[in-house]
Amino acid sequence: MSNGDDLTYENEIRKIRVSLTDVEDAKKVADNLMIKKVEKYEAQIKDLKNEINRLQESYDNLKIIDDGHQKLNGELQTKVNKLEKDNKILEVKLEKQLKEFRNKGDL
């Protein structure tokens, strides 16, 4: 092996070391970029979770209101049905009385 061969070998080793340093630097840059992306997505996830919680609370409130309205509507429907039944009974009684008055000649 000549002295020229040693220099070529040393140059190759230097190139490999430089290449390894470049790869390590590239890995560091890539890691930093990935960390920034992850932090960005974590912030978005946090915002979305807060939005989900806000929407769930709104839904729960609307559900409570809806349940109350359904209960009131049911009570009103029951009253309407009773009043319609009572009205029908009164209508029949009134017709009966009118018929009796007509038969007596009062009307």
C-alpha atoms as a PDB file:
ATOM      1  CA  MET A   1       0.000   0.000   0.000  1.00  0.00           C
ATOM      2  CA  SER A   2       1.423   3.333  -1.005  1.00  0.00           C
ATOM      3  CA  ASN A   3       1.129   6.655   0.694  1.00  0.00           C
ATOM      4  CA  GLY A   4      -1.370   7.734  -2.029  1.00  0.00           C
ATOM      5  CA  ASP A   5      -3.611   4.842  -1.104  1.00  0.00           C
ATOM      6  CA  ASP A   6      -3.641   6.024   2.522  1.00  0.00           C
ATOM      7  CA  LEU A   7      -4.738   9.511   1.450  1.00  0.00           C
ATOM      8  CA  THR A   8      -7.527   8.097  -0.693  1.00  0.00           C
ATOM      9  CA  TYR A   9      -8.661   5.937   2.213  1.00  0.00           C
ATOM     10  CA  GLU A  10      -8.565   8.919   4.605  1.00  0.00           C
ATOM     11  CA  ASN A  11     -10.500  11.033   2.099  1.00  0.00           C
ATOM     12  CA  GLU A  12     -13.164   8.330   1.807  1.00  0.00           C
ATOM     13  CA  ILE A  13     -13.387   8.117   5.609  1.00  0.00           C
ATOM     14  CA  ARG A  14     -13.781  11.917   5.789  1.00  0.00           C
ATOM     15  CA  LYS A  15     -16.522  11.785   3.143  1.00  0.00           C
ATOM     16  CA  ILE A  16     -18.314   9.057   5.080  1.00  0.00           C
ATOM     17  CA  ARG A  17     -18.009  11.054   8.321  1.00  0.00           C
ATOM     18  CA  VAL A  18     -19.326  14.170   6.592  1.00  0.00           C
ATOM     19  CA  SER A  19     -22.146  12.112   5.101  1.00  0.00           C
ATOM     20  CA  LEU A  20     -23.004  10.709   8.530  1.00  0.00           C
ATOM     21  CA  THR A  21     -22.970  14.205  10.012  1.00  0.00           C
ATOM     22  CA  ASP A  22     -25.255  15.379   7.213  1.00  0.00           C
ATOM     23  CA  VAL A  23     -27.613  12.466   7.882  1.00  0.00           C
ATOM     24  CA  GLU A  24     -27.627  13.205  11.607  1.00  0.00           C
ATOM     25  CA  ASP A  25     -28.293  16.887  10.913  1.00  0.00           C
ATOM     26  CA  ALA A  26     -31.071  15.965   8.511  1.00  0.00           C
ATOM     27  CA  LYS A  27     -32.561  13.690  11.164  1.00  0.00           C
ATOM     28  CA  LYS A  28     -32.462  16.533  13.703  1.00  0.00           C
ATOM     29  CA  VAL A  29     -34.156  18.889  11.247  1.00  0.00           C
ATOM     30  CA  ALA A  30     -36.774  16.246  10.415  1.00  0.00           C
ATOM     31  CA  ASP A  31     -37.344  15.551  14.121  1.00  0.00           C
ATOM     32  CA  ASN A  32     -37.822  19.260  14.825  1.00  0.00           C
ATOM     33  CA  LEU A  33     -40.264  19.577  11.925  1.00  0.00           C
ATOM     34  CA  MET A  34     -42.173  16.545  13.164  1.00  0.00           C
ATOM     35  CA  ILE A  35     -42.307  17.942  16.706  1.00  0.00           C
ATOM     36  CA  LYS A  36     -43.688  21.249  15.397  1.00  0.00           C
ATOM     37  CA  LYS A  37     -46.324  19.412  13.346  1.00  0.00           C
ATOM     38  CA  VAL A  38     -47.288  17.269  16.335  1.00  0.00           C
ATOM     39  CA  GLU A  39     -47.581  20.367  18.538  1.00  0.00           C
ATOM     40  CA  LYS A  40     -49.750  22.041  15.887  1.00  0.00           C
ATOM     41  CA  TYR A  41     -52.010  18.988  15.655  1.00  0.00           C
ATOM     42  CA  GLU A  42     -52.157  18.676  19.435  1.00  0.00           C
ATOM     43  CA  ALA A  43     -53.370  22.293  19.609  1.00  0.00           C
ATOM     44  CA  GLN A  44     -55.991  21.567  16.920  1.00  0.00           C
ATOM     45  CA  ILE A  45     -57.081  18.422  18.753  1.00  0.00           C
ATOM     46  CA  LYS A  46     -57.431  20.402  21.975  1.00  0.00           C
ATOM     47  CA  ASP A  47     -59.513  23.058  20.184  1.00  0.00           C
ATOM     48  CA  LEU A  48     -61.713  20.384  18.600  1.00  0.00           C
ATOM     49  CA  LYS A  49     -62.223  18.646  21.948  1.00  0.00           C
ATOM     50  CA  ASN A  50     -63.266  21.978  23.468  1.00  0.00           C
ATOM     51  CA  GLU A  51     -65.688  22.492  20.581  1.00  0.00           C
ATOM     52  CA  ILE A  52     -67.094  18.990  21.085  1.00  0.00           C
ATOM     53  CA  ASN A  53     -67.607  19.720  24.795  1.00  0.00           C
ATOM     54  CA  ARG A  54     -69.319  23.033  23.993  1.00  0.00           C
ATOM     55  CA  LEU A  55     -71.604  21.375  21.444  1.00  0.00           C
ATOM     56  CA  GLN A  56     -72.400  18.523  23.853  1.00  0.00           C
ATOM     57  CA  GLU A  57     -73.378  21.049  26.519  1.00  0.00           C
ATOM     58  CA  SER A  58     -75.613  22.874  24.013  1.00  0.00           C
ATOM     59  CA  TYR A  59     -77.174  19.568  22.985  1.00  0.00           C
ATOM     60  CA  ASP A  60     -77.802  18.624  26.620  1.00  0.00           C
ATOM     61  CA  ASN A  61     -79.470  21.994  27.259  1.00  0.00           C
ATOM     62  CA  LEU A  62     -81.621  21.679  24.145  1.00  0.00           C
ATOM     63  CA  LYS A  63     -82.569  18.129  25.159  1.00  0.00           C
ATOM     64  CA  ILE A  64     -83.737  19.413  28.559  1.00  0.00           C
ATOM     65  CA  ILE A  65     -85.805  22.131  26.853  1.00  0.00           C
ATOM     66  CA  ASP A  66     -87.217  19.627  24.349  1.00  0.00           C
ATOM     67  CA  ASP A  67     -88.196  17.214  27.123  1.00  0.00           C
ATOM     68  CA  GLY A  68     -89.969  20.059  28.953  1.00  0.00           C
ATOM     69  CA  HIS A  69     -91.830  21.087  25.806  1.00  0.00           C
ATOM     70  CA  GLN A  70     -92.882  17.527  25.100  1.00  0.00           C
ATOM     71  CA  LYS A  71     -94.237  17.201  28.634  1.00  0.00           C
ATOM     72  CA  LEU A  72     -96.139  20.489  28.357  1.00  0.00           C
ATOM     73  CA  ASN A  73     -97.455  19.569  24.923  1.00  0.00           C
ATOM     74  CA  GLY A  74     -98.658  16.225  26.271  1.00  0.00           C
ATOM     75  CA  GLU A  75    -100.466  17.955  29.137  1.00  0.00           C
ATOM     76  CA  LEU A  76    -102.039  20.477  26.745  1.00  0.00           C
ATOM     77  CA  GLN A  77    -103.141  17.717  24.382  1.00  0.00           C
ATOM     78  CA  THR A  78    -104.789  15.902  27.295  1.00  0.00           C
ATOM     79  CA  LYS A  79    -106.654  19.104  28.236  1.00  0.00           C
ATOM     80  CA  VAL A  80    -107.688  19.742  24.628  1.00  0.00           C
ATOM     81  CA  ASN A  81    -109.043  16.199  24.322  1.00  0.00           C
ATOM     82  CA  LYS A  82    -111.007  16.605  27.566  1.00  0.00           C
ATOM     83  CA  LEU A  83    -112.399  19.969  26.457  1.00  0.00           C
ATOM     84  CA  GLU A  84    -113.381  18.563  23.054  1.00  0.00           C
ATOM     85  CA  LYS A  85    -115.172  15.701  24.791  1.00  0.00           C
ATOM     86  CA  ASP A  86    -116.921  18.106  27.167  1.00  0.00           C
ATOM     87  CA  ASN A  87    -117.834  20.342  24.222  1.00  0.00           C
ATOM     88  CA  LYS A  88    -119.362  17.393  22.386  1.00  0.00           C
ATOM     89  CA  ILE A  89    -121.420  16.486  25.468  1.00  0.00           C
ATOM     90  CA  LEU A  90    -122.632  20.092  25.783  1.00  0.00           C
ATOM     91  CA  GLU A  91    -123.460  20.185  22.077  1.00  0.00           C
ATOM     92  CA  VAL A  92    -125.602  17.050  22.412  1.00  0.00           C
ATOM     93  CA  LYS A  93    -127.361  18.499  25.491  1.00  0.00           C
ATOM     94  CA  LEU A  94    -127.990  21.795  23.721  1.00  0.00           C
ATOM     95  CA  GLU A  95    -129.427  20.037  20.665  1.00  0.00           C
ATOM     96  CA  LYS A  96    -131.649  18.003  22.964  1.00  0.00           C
ATOM     97  CA  GLN A  97    -132.905  21.135  24.749  1.00  0.00           C
ATOM     98  CA  LEU A  98    -133.497  22.962  21.463  1.00  0.00           C
ATOM     99  CA  LYS A  99    -135.485  19.996  20.199  1.00  0.00           C
ATOM    100  CA  GLU A 100    -137.593  19.995  23.385  1.00  0.00           C
ATOM    101  CA  PHE A 101    -138.258  23.755  23.086  1.00  0.00           C
ATOM    102  CA  ARG A 102    -139.256  23.396  19.451  1.00  0.00           C
ATOM    103  CA  ASN A 103    -141.603  20.545  20.316  1.00  0.00           C
ATOM    104  CA  LYS A 104    -143.237  22.688  23.035  1.00  0.00           C
ATOM    105  CA  GLY A 105    -143.561  25.568  20.627  1.00  0.00           C
ATOM    106  CA  ASP A 106    -141.357  27.915  22.620  1.00  0.00           C
ATOM    107  CA  LEU A 107    -139.083  28.489  19.658  1.00  0.00           C
END
